[in-house]
Amino acid sequence: MKKHILVFTILVIAIAAAVGELLVSPGFQKRTDVCLQDFSISEDGSVMTVKTALLGSMGYIRAIETEESRDGIHCSFYSAFGGLNSVIGAKNSFEIKLDDSAKKIYFDRGAQADMLVLEQDAATGVWIRT
């Protein structure tokens, strides 16, 4: 009897771990098919809000990670939790902190070179799509 309870317990734990993995792991995958829909700049110019969409037909975005480099800000996006087309934690609007040195915004394209999506005009200081 104890052997059956042990086998059953191990089986339940294995199934729970597999289901947990299926629901959580997609949220740590980078999305390289993100495009810019719209953007706005705060009144003081310190924050840019980007509205995004996916080029693919499945999935949602939940988070952005930014990294500053000498040529601009590089943005990586992450899938929502919960599986292939889940909306757990999903959103499409993200804030990017800007400083005086930020002149370009790039979106992560995985193995390909990052895509330049926005650039600040040197003469006017206005952000424009590229």
N, C-alpha and C. Protein backbone atom coordinates (compact mmCIF):
# COMPACT_ATOMS: atom_id res chain seq x y z
N MET A 1 0.82 -1.20 0.00
CA MET A 1 0.00 0.00 0.00
C MET A 1 0.87 1.26 0.00
N LYS A 2 1.91 1.27 0.85
CA LYS A 2 2.78 2.43 0.93
C LYS A 2 3.48 2.66 -0.42
N LYS A 3 3.79 1.58 -1.13
CA LYS A 3 4.45 1.70 -2.42
C LYS A 3 3.54 2.41 -3.42
N HIS A 4 2.24 2.08 -3.40
CA HIS A 4 1.27 2.71 -4.31
C HIS A 4 1.11 4.20 -4.00
N ILE A 5 1.09 4.55 -2.72
CA ILE A 5 0.97 5.95 -2.32
C ILE A 5 2.20 6.73 -2.78
N LEU A 6 3.38 6.15 -2.64
CA LEU A 6 4.61 6.79 -3.06
C LEU A 6 4.62 7.01 -4.58
N VAL A 7 4.24 6.00 -5.34
CA VAL A 7 4.19 6.11 -6.80
C VAL A 7 3.17 7.18 -7.20
N PHE A 8 2.02 7.17 -6.57
CA PHE A 8 0.98 8.16 -6.87
C PHE A 8 1.48 9.57 -6.56
N THR A 9 2.14 9.76 -5.43
CA THR A 9 2.67 11.06 -5.03
C THR A 9 3.71 11.55 -6.04
N ILE A 10 4.61 10.67 -6.44
CA ILE A 10 5.64 11.04 -7.42
C ILE A 10 4.99 11.40 -8.75
N LEU A 11 3.98 10.67 -9.15
CA LEU A 11 3.26 10.95 -10.40
C LEU A 11 2.57 12.31 -10.34
N VAL A 12 1.91 12.62 -9.25
CA VAL A 12 1.24 13.91 -9.08
C VAL A 12 2.25 15.05 -9.11
N ILE A 13 3.38 14.89 -8.44
CA ILE A 13 4.42 15.92 -8.43
C ILE A 13 4.98 16.11 -9.85
N ALA A 14 5.20 15.05 -10.57
CA ALA A 14 5.74 15.15 -11.94
C ALA A 14 4.76 15.87 -12.86
N ILE A 15 3.48 15.55 -12.75
CA ILE A 15 2.46 16.21 -13.58
C ILE A 15 2.36 17.69 -13.21
N ALA A 16 2.36 18.00 -11.93
CA ALA A 16 2.30 19.40 -11.49
C ALA A 16 3.52 20.18 -11.98
N ALA A 17 4.69 19.57 -11.93
CA ALA A 17 5.91 20.24 -12.40
C ALA A 17 5.85 20.48 -13.91
N ALA A 18 5.34 19.52 -14.66
CA ALA A 18 5.23 19.67 -16.11
C ALA A 18 4.24 20.77 -16.47
N VAL A 19 3.10 20.80 -15.81
CA VAL A 19 2.10 21.85 -16.06
C VAL A 19 2.67 23.22 -15.67
N GLY A 20 3.33 23.28 -14.53
CA GLY A 20 3.96 24.53 -14.10
C GLY A 20 4.99 25.03 -15.10
N GLU A 21 5.77 24.12 -15.62
CA GLU A 21 6.78 24.47 -16.63
C GLU A 21 6.11 25.02 -17.89
N LEU A 22 5.03 24.40 -18.32
CA LEU A 22 4.32 24.86 -19.52
C LEU A 22 3.71 26.24 -19.32
N LEU A 23 3.29 26.56 -18.11
CA LEU A 23 2.65 27.84 -17.85
C LEU A 23 3.64 28.97 -17.55
N VAL A 24 4.78 28.64 -16.97
CA VAL A 24 5.72 29.67 -16.54
C VAL A 24 6.82 29.92 -17.57
N SER A 25 7.36 28.90 -18.18
CA SER A 25 8.53 29.08 -19.05
C SER A 25 8.32 30.02 -20.23
N PRO A 26 7.14 30.08 -20.85
CA PRO A 26 6.99 31.03 -21.96
C PRO A 26 7.24 32.49 -21.54
N GLY A 27 7.01 32.82 -20.30
CA GLY A 27 7.19 34.19 -19.83
C GLY A 27 8.64 34.64 -19.77
N PHE A 28 9.57 33.72 -19.96
CA PHE A 28 10.99 34.07 -19.95
C PHE A 28 11.60 34.01 -21.35
N GLN A 29 10.75 33.81 -22.36
CA GLN A 29 11.23 33.78 -23.74
C GLN A 29 11.17 35.17 -24.35
N LYS A 30 12.25 35.55 -25.03
CA LYS A 30 12.29 36.84 -25.72
C LYS A 30 11.42 36.79 -26.96
N ARG A 31 10.76 37.91 -27.21
CA ARG A 31 9.98 38.08 -28.44
C ARG A 31 10.80 38.95 -29.38
N THR A 32 11.10 38.45 -30.54
CA THR A 32 11.88 39.22 -31.52
C THR A 32 11.01 39.68 -32.68
N ASP A 33 9.71 39.56 -32.53
CA ASP A 33 8.78 39.98 -33.59
C ASP A 33 7.90 41.15 -33.13
N VAL A 34 8.48 42.03 -32.33
CA VAL A 34 7.75 43.18 -31.79
C VAL A 34 7.94 44.38 -32.72
N CYS A 35 6.84 45.08 -32.98
CA CYS A 35 6.93 46.30 -33.80
C CYS A 35 6.34 47.47 -33.02
N LEU A 36 6.72 48.65 -33.43
CA LEU A 36 6.27 49.88 -32.79
C LEU A 36 4.96 50.33 -33.42
N GLN A 37 3.92 50.51 -32.60
CA GLN A 37 2.65 51.05 -33.09
C GLN A 37 2.61 52.56 -32.95
N ASP A 38 3.00 53.04 -31.77
CA ASP A 38 2.93 54.48 -31.50
C ASP A 38 3.89 54.78 -30.35
N PHE A 39 4.16 56.06 -30.14
CA PHE A 39 5.01 56.46 -29.03
C PHE A 39 4.66 57.88 -28.61
N SER A 40 5.02 58.21 -27.39
CA SER A 40 4.84 59.58 -26.89
C SER A 40 5.98 59.87 -25.91
N ILE A 41 6.23 61.15 -25.74
CA ILE A 41 7.30 61.61 -24.84
C ILE A 41 6.65 62.41 -23.72
N SER A 42 7.13 62.21 -22.50
CA SER A 42 6.61 62.98 -21.37
C SER A 42 6.95 64.46 -21.56
N GLU A 43 6.22 65.32 -20.85
CA GLU A 43 6.42 66.76 -20.98
C GLU A 43 7.86 67.19 -20.67
N ASP A 44 8.47 66.54 -19.68
CA ASP A 44 9.84 66.91 -19.33
C ASP A 44 10.89 66.18 -20.17
N GLY A 45 10.45 65.28 -21.05
CA GLY A 45 11.37 64.58 -21.96
C GLY A 45 12.16 63.46 -21.32
N SER A 46 11.80 63.05 -20.11
CA SER A 46 12.58 62.03 -19.41
C SER A 46 12.06 60.61 -19.62
N VAL A 47 10.83 60.48 -20.14
CA VAL A 47 10.24 59.15 -20.33
C VAL A 47 9.56 59.08 -21.69
N MET A 48 9.83 57.99 -22.39
CA MET A 48 9.15 57.69 -23.64
C MET A 48 8.22 56.51 -23.38
N THR A 49 6.98 56.63 -23.81
CA THR A 49 6.03 55.52 -23.72
C THR A 49 5.85 54.96 -25.12
N VAL A 50 6.15 53.66 -25.27
CA VAL A 50 5.99 53.02 -26.57
C VAL A 50 4.80 52.06 -26.51
N LYS A 51 4.01 52.09 -27.56
CA LYS A 51 2.91 51.15 -27.71
C LYS A 51 3.35 50.15 -28.76
N THR A 52 3.27 48.86 -28.43
CA THR A 52 3.82 47.82 -29.28
C THR A 52 2.76 46.85 -29.78
N ALA A 53 3.13 46.07 -30.77
CA ALA A 53 2.30 44.98 -31.30
C ALA A 53 3.24 43.88 -31.75
N LEU A 54 2.68 42.71 -31.94
CA LEU A 54 3.46 41.58 -32.43
C LEU A 54 3.21 41.38 -33.92
N LEU A 55 4.25 41.01 -34.63
CA LEU A 55 4.10 40.70 -36.04
C LEU A 55 3.48 39.32 -36.23
N GLY A 56 3.71 38.42 -35.26
CA GLY A 56 3.15 37.07 -35.31
C GLY A 56 1.69 37.07 -34.92
N SER A 57 1.02 35.96 -35.22
CA SER A 57 -0.41 35.88 -34.94
C SER A 57 -0.73 35.33 -33.55
N MET A 58 0.28 34.83 -32.84
CA MET A 58 0.03 34.27 -31.51
C MET A 58 0.90 34.92 -30.46
N GLY A 59 0.34 35.02 -29.28
CA GLY A 59 1.09 35.47 -28.14
C GLY A 59 0.88 36.92 -27.77
N TYR A 60 1.42 37.27 -26.62
CA TYR A 60 1.32 38.62 -26.07
C TYR A 60 2.64 38.97 -25.41
N ILE A 61 2.86 40.25 -25.21
CA ILE A 61 4.07 40.75 -24.56
C ILE A 61 3.72 41.07 -23.11
N ARG A 62 4.65 40.81 -22.19
CA ARG A 62 4.40 41.14 -20.79
C ARG A 62 5.42 42.11 -20.22
N ALA A 63 6.63 42.15 -20.79
CA ALA A 63 7.68 42.96 -20.17
C ALA A 63 8.69 43.46 -21.19
N ILE A 64 9.37 44.53 -20.80
CA ILE A 64 10.46 45.09 -21.59
C ILE A 64 11.70 45.14 -20.71
N GLU A 65 12.84 44.93 -21.33
CA GLU A 65 14.12 45.08 -20.66
C GLU A 65 14.95 46.01 -21.54
N THR A 66 15.48 47.07 -20.97
CA THR A 66 16.26 48.03 -21.75
C THR A 66 17.71 47.99 -21.33
N GLU A 67 18.56 48.24 -22.31
CA GLU A 67 20.00 48.28 -22.06
C GLU A 67 20.57 49.46 -22.83
N GLU A 68 21.23 50.34 -22.12
CA GLU A 68 21.83 51.50 -22.76
C GLU A 68 23.20 51.14 -23.31
N SER A 69 23.48 51.65 -24.49
CA SER A 69 24.81 51.52 -25.09
C SER A 69 25.19 52.88 -25.63
N ARG A 70 26.36 52.99 -26.18
CA ARG A 70 26.81 54.30 -26.66
C ARG A 70 26.01 54.77 -27.86
N ASP A 71 25.38 53.84 -28.60
CA ASP A 71 24.62 54.26 -29.78
C ASP A 71 23.11 54.30 -29.54
N GLY A 72 22.64 54.07 -28.32
CA GLY A 72 21.22 54.18 -28.05
C GLY A 72 20.74 53.23 -26.99
N ILE A 73 19.43 53.04 -26.96
CA ILE A 73 18.79 52.13 -26.00
C ILE A 73 18.27 50.93 -26.76
N HIS A 74 18.68 49.75 -26.32
CA HIS A 74 18.26 48.50 -26.94
C HIS A 74 17.18 47.86 -26.08
N CYS A 75 16.04 47.53 -26.70
CA CYS A 75 14.88 47.01 -25.98
C CYS A 75 14.65 45.55 -26.33
N SER A 76 14.51 44.72 -25.31
CA SER A 76 14.13 43.32 -25.48
C SER A 76 12.77 43.14 -24.84
N PHE A 77 11.92 42.33 -25.45
CA PHE A 77 10.57 42.11 -24.96
C PHE A 77 10.39 40.63 -24.62
N TYR A 78 9.49 40.35 -23.66
CA TYR A 78 9.27 39.00 -23.18
C TYR A 78 7.81 38.61 -23.29
N SER A 79 7.58 37.32 -23.59
CA SER A 79 6.23 36.77 -23.74
C SER A 79 5.47 36.78 -22.43
N ALA A 80 4.16 36.76 -22.55
CA ALA A 80 3.29 36.63 -21.37
C ALA A 80 3.39 35.21 -20.81
N PHE A 81 3.09 35.07 -19.53
CA PHE A 81 3.06 33.76 -18.89
C PHE A 81 1.81 33.01 -19.30
N GLY A 82 1.83 31.69 -19.14
CA GLY A 82 0.62 30.90 -19.27
C GLY A 82 0.46 30.08 -20.52
N GLY A 83 1.39 30.06 -21.41
CA GLY A 83 1.25 29.23 -22.60
C GLY A 83 1.29 30.05 -23.87
N LEU A 84 1.02 29.37 -24.98
CA LEU A 84 1.22 29.97 -26.30
C LEU A 84 0.44 31.25 -26.55
N ASN A 85 -0.81 31.30 -26.16
CA ASN A 85 -1.63 32.47 -26.46
C ASN A 85 -2.28 33.05 -25.22
N SER A 86 -1.60 32.92 -24.10
CA SER A 86 -2.14 33.37 -22.83
C SER A 86 -1.95 34.88 -22.66
N VAL A 87 -2.83 35.48 -21.89
CA VAL A 87 -2.76 36.92 -21.62
C VAL A 87 -2.34 37.22 -20.18
N ILE A 88 -1.81 36.23 -19.47
CA ILE A 88 -1.40 36.44 -18.08
C ILE A 88 -0.23 37.42 -18.04
N GLY A 89 -0.48 38.60 -17.50
CA GLY A 89 0.54 39.63 -17.39
C GLY A 89 0.75 40.44 -18.66
N ALA A 90 -0.09 40.23 -19.65
CA ALA A 90 0.10 40.88 -20.95
C ALA A 90 -0.18 42.38 -20.91
N LYS A 91 0.62 43.11 -21.66
CA LYS A 91 0.37 44.53 -21.89
C LYS A 91 1.10 44.93 -23.17
N ASN A 92 0.76 46.09 -23.70
CA ASN A 92 1.40 46.51 -24.94
C ASN A 92 2.00 47.91 -24.85
N SER A 93 1.93 48.53 -23.70
CA SER A 93 2.47 49.87 -23.52
C SER A 93 3.58 49.81 -22.46
N PHE A 94 4.74 50.38 -22.81
CA PHE A 94 5.89 50.30 -21.93
C PHE A 94 6.59 51.65 -21.85
N GLU A 95 7.19 51.93 -20.69
CA GLU A 95 7.92 53.18 -20.50
C GLU A 95 9.42 52.93 -20.59
N ILE A 96 10.10 53.85 -21.29
CA ILE A 96 11.55 53.80 -21.42
C ILE A 96 12.10 55.11 -20.86
N LYS A 97 12.98 55.00 -19.87
CA LYS A 97 13.59 56.20 -19.29
C LYS A 97 14.64 56.73 -20.26
N LEU A 98 14.57 58.03 -20.50
CA LEU A 98 15.50 58.69 -21.42
C LEU A 98 16.44 59.60 -20.65
N ASP A 99 17.68 59.67 -21.08
CA ASP A 99 18.59 60.68 -20.57
C ASP A 99 19.12 61.47 -21.77
N ASP A 100 19.97 62.44 -21.52
CA ASP A 100 20.45 63.32 -22.60
C ASP A 100 21.25 62.57 -23.66
N SER A 101 21.86 61.45 -23.30
CA SER A 101 22.68 60.72 -24.26
C SER A 101 21.86 59.79 -25.17
N ALA A 102 20.61 59.53 -24.82
CA ALA A 102 19.76 58.63 -25.60
C ALA A 102 19.29 59.33 -26.86
N LYS A 103 19.74 58.84 -28.00
CA LYS A 103 19.37 59.44 -29.29
C LYS A 103 18.71 58.44 -30.24
N LYS A 104 18.78 57.14 -29.90
CA LYS A 104 18.21 56.10 -30.76
C LYS A 104 17.57 55.01 -29.90
N ILE A 105 16.51 54.41 -30.43
CA ILE A 105 15.83 53.29 -29.77
C ILE A 105 15.84 52.11 -30.74
N TYR A 106 16.32 50.95 -30.25
CA TYR A 106 16.39 49.74 -31.06
C TYR A 106 15.50 48.66 -30.44
N PHE A 107 14.90 47.81 -31.29
CA PHE A 107 14.17 46.64 -30.82
C PHE A 107 14.98 45.39 -31.16
N ASP A 108 15.04 44.46 -30.22
CA ASP A 108 15.78 43.21 -30.36
C ASP A 108 15.20 42.36 -31.48
N ARG A 109 16.07 41.86 -32.35
CA ARG A 109 15.67 40.98 -33.45
C ARG A 109 16.36 39.63 -33.37
N GLY A 110 16.81 39.26 -32.18
CA GLY A 110 17.42 37.94 -31.99
C GLY A 110 18.76 37.84 -32.68
N ALA A 111 18.91 36.84 -33.55
CA ALA A 111 20.18 36.60 -34.24
C ALA A 111 20.50 37.70 -35.25
N GLN A 112 19.49 38.39 -35.73
CA GLN A 112 19.71 39.49 -36.67
C GLN A 112 20.12 40.74 -35.88
N ALA A 113 20.61 41.74 -36.60
CA ALA A 113 20.97 43.00 -35.95
C ALA A 113 19.71 43.66 -35.39
N ASP A 114 19.84 44.31 -34.25
CA ASP A 114 18.70 45.02 -33.66
C ASP A 114 18.17 46.05 -34.67
N MET A 115 16.85 46.25 -34.65
CA MET A 115 16.22 47.15 -35.59
C MET A 115 16.05 48.54 -34.98
N LEU A 116 16.54 49.56 -35.68
CA LEU A 116 16.36 50.94 -35.26
C LEU A 116 14.91 51.33 -35.52
N VAL A 117 14.19 51.74 -34.47
CA VAL A 117 12.77 52.10 -34.64
C VAL A 117 12.52 53.58 -34.43
N LEU A 118 13.33 54.24 -33.61
CA LEU A 118 13.16 55.67 -33.34
C LEU A 118 14.53 56.33 -33.26
N GLU A 119 14.57 57.57 -33.73
CA GLU A 119 15.81 58.33 -33.66
C GLU A 119 15.48 59.79 -33.38
N GLN A 120 16.28 60.40 -32.54
CA GLN A 120 16.07 61.81 -32.21
C GLN A 120 16.81 62.68 -33.23
N ASP A 121 16.06 63.58 -33.86
CA ASP A 121 16.65 64.50 -34.83
C ASP A 121 17.64 65.41 -34.12
N ALA A 122 18.87 65.46 -34.62
CA ALA A 122 19.93 66.24 -33.97
C ALA A 122 19.63 67.74 -33.97
N ALA A 123 18.99 68.22 -35.03
CA ALA A 123 18.75 69.67 -35.15
C ALA A 123 17.57 70.13 -34.31
N THR A 124 16.48 69.34 -34.32
CA THR A 124 15.26 69.79 -33.65
C THR A 124 15.02 69.13 -32.30
N GLY A 125 15.65 67.97 -32.06
CA GLY A 125 15.43 67.24 -30.82
C GLY A 125 14.14 66.43 -30.82
N VAL A 126 13.44 66.38 -31.96
CA VAL A 126 12.18 65.66 -32.08
C VAL A 126 12.47 64.19 -32.42
N TRP A 127 11.74 63.29 -31.77
CA TRP A 127 11.87 61.87 -32.05
C TRP A 127 11.07 61.52 -33.30
N ILE A 128 11.67 60.75 -34.21
CA ILE A 128 11.01 60.34 -35.45
C ILE A 128 11.18 58.83 -35.65
N ARG A 129 10.19 58.24 -36.29
CA ARG A 129 10.28 56.81 -36.67
C ARG A 129 11.28 56.65 -37.80
N THR A 130 11.94 55.51 -37.79
CA THR A 130 12.88 55.24 -38.89
C THR A 130 12.37 54.15 -39.78
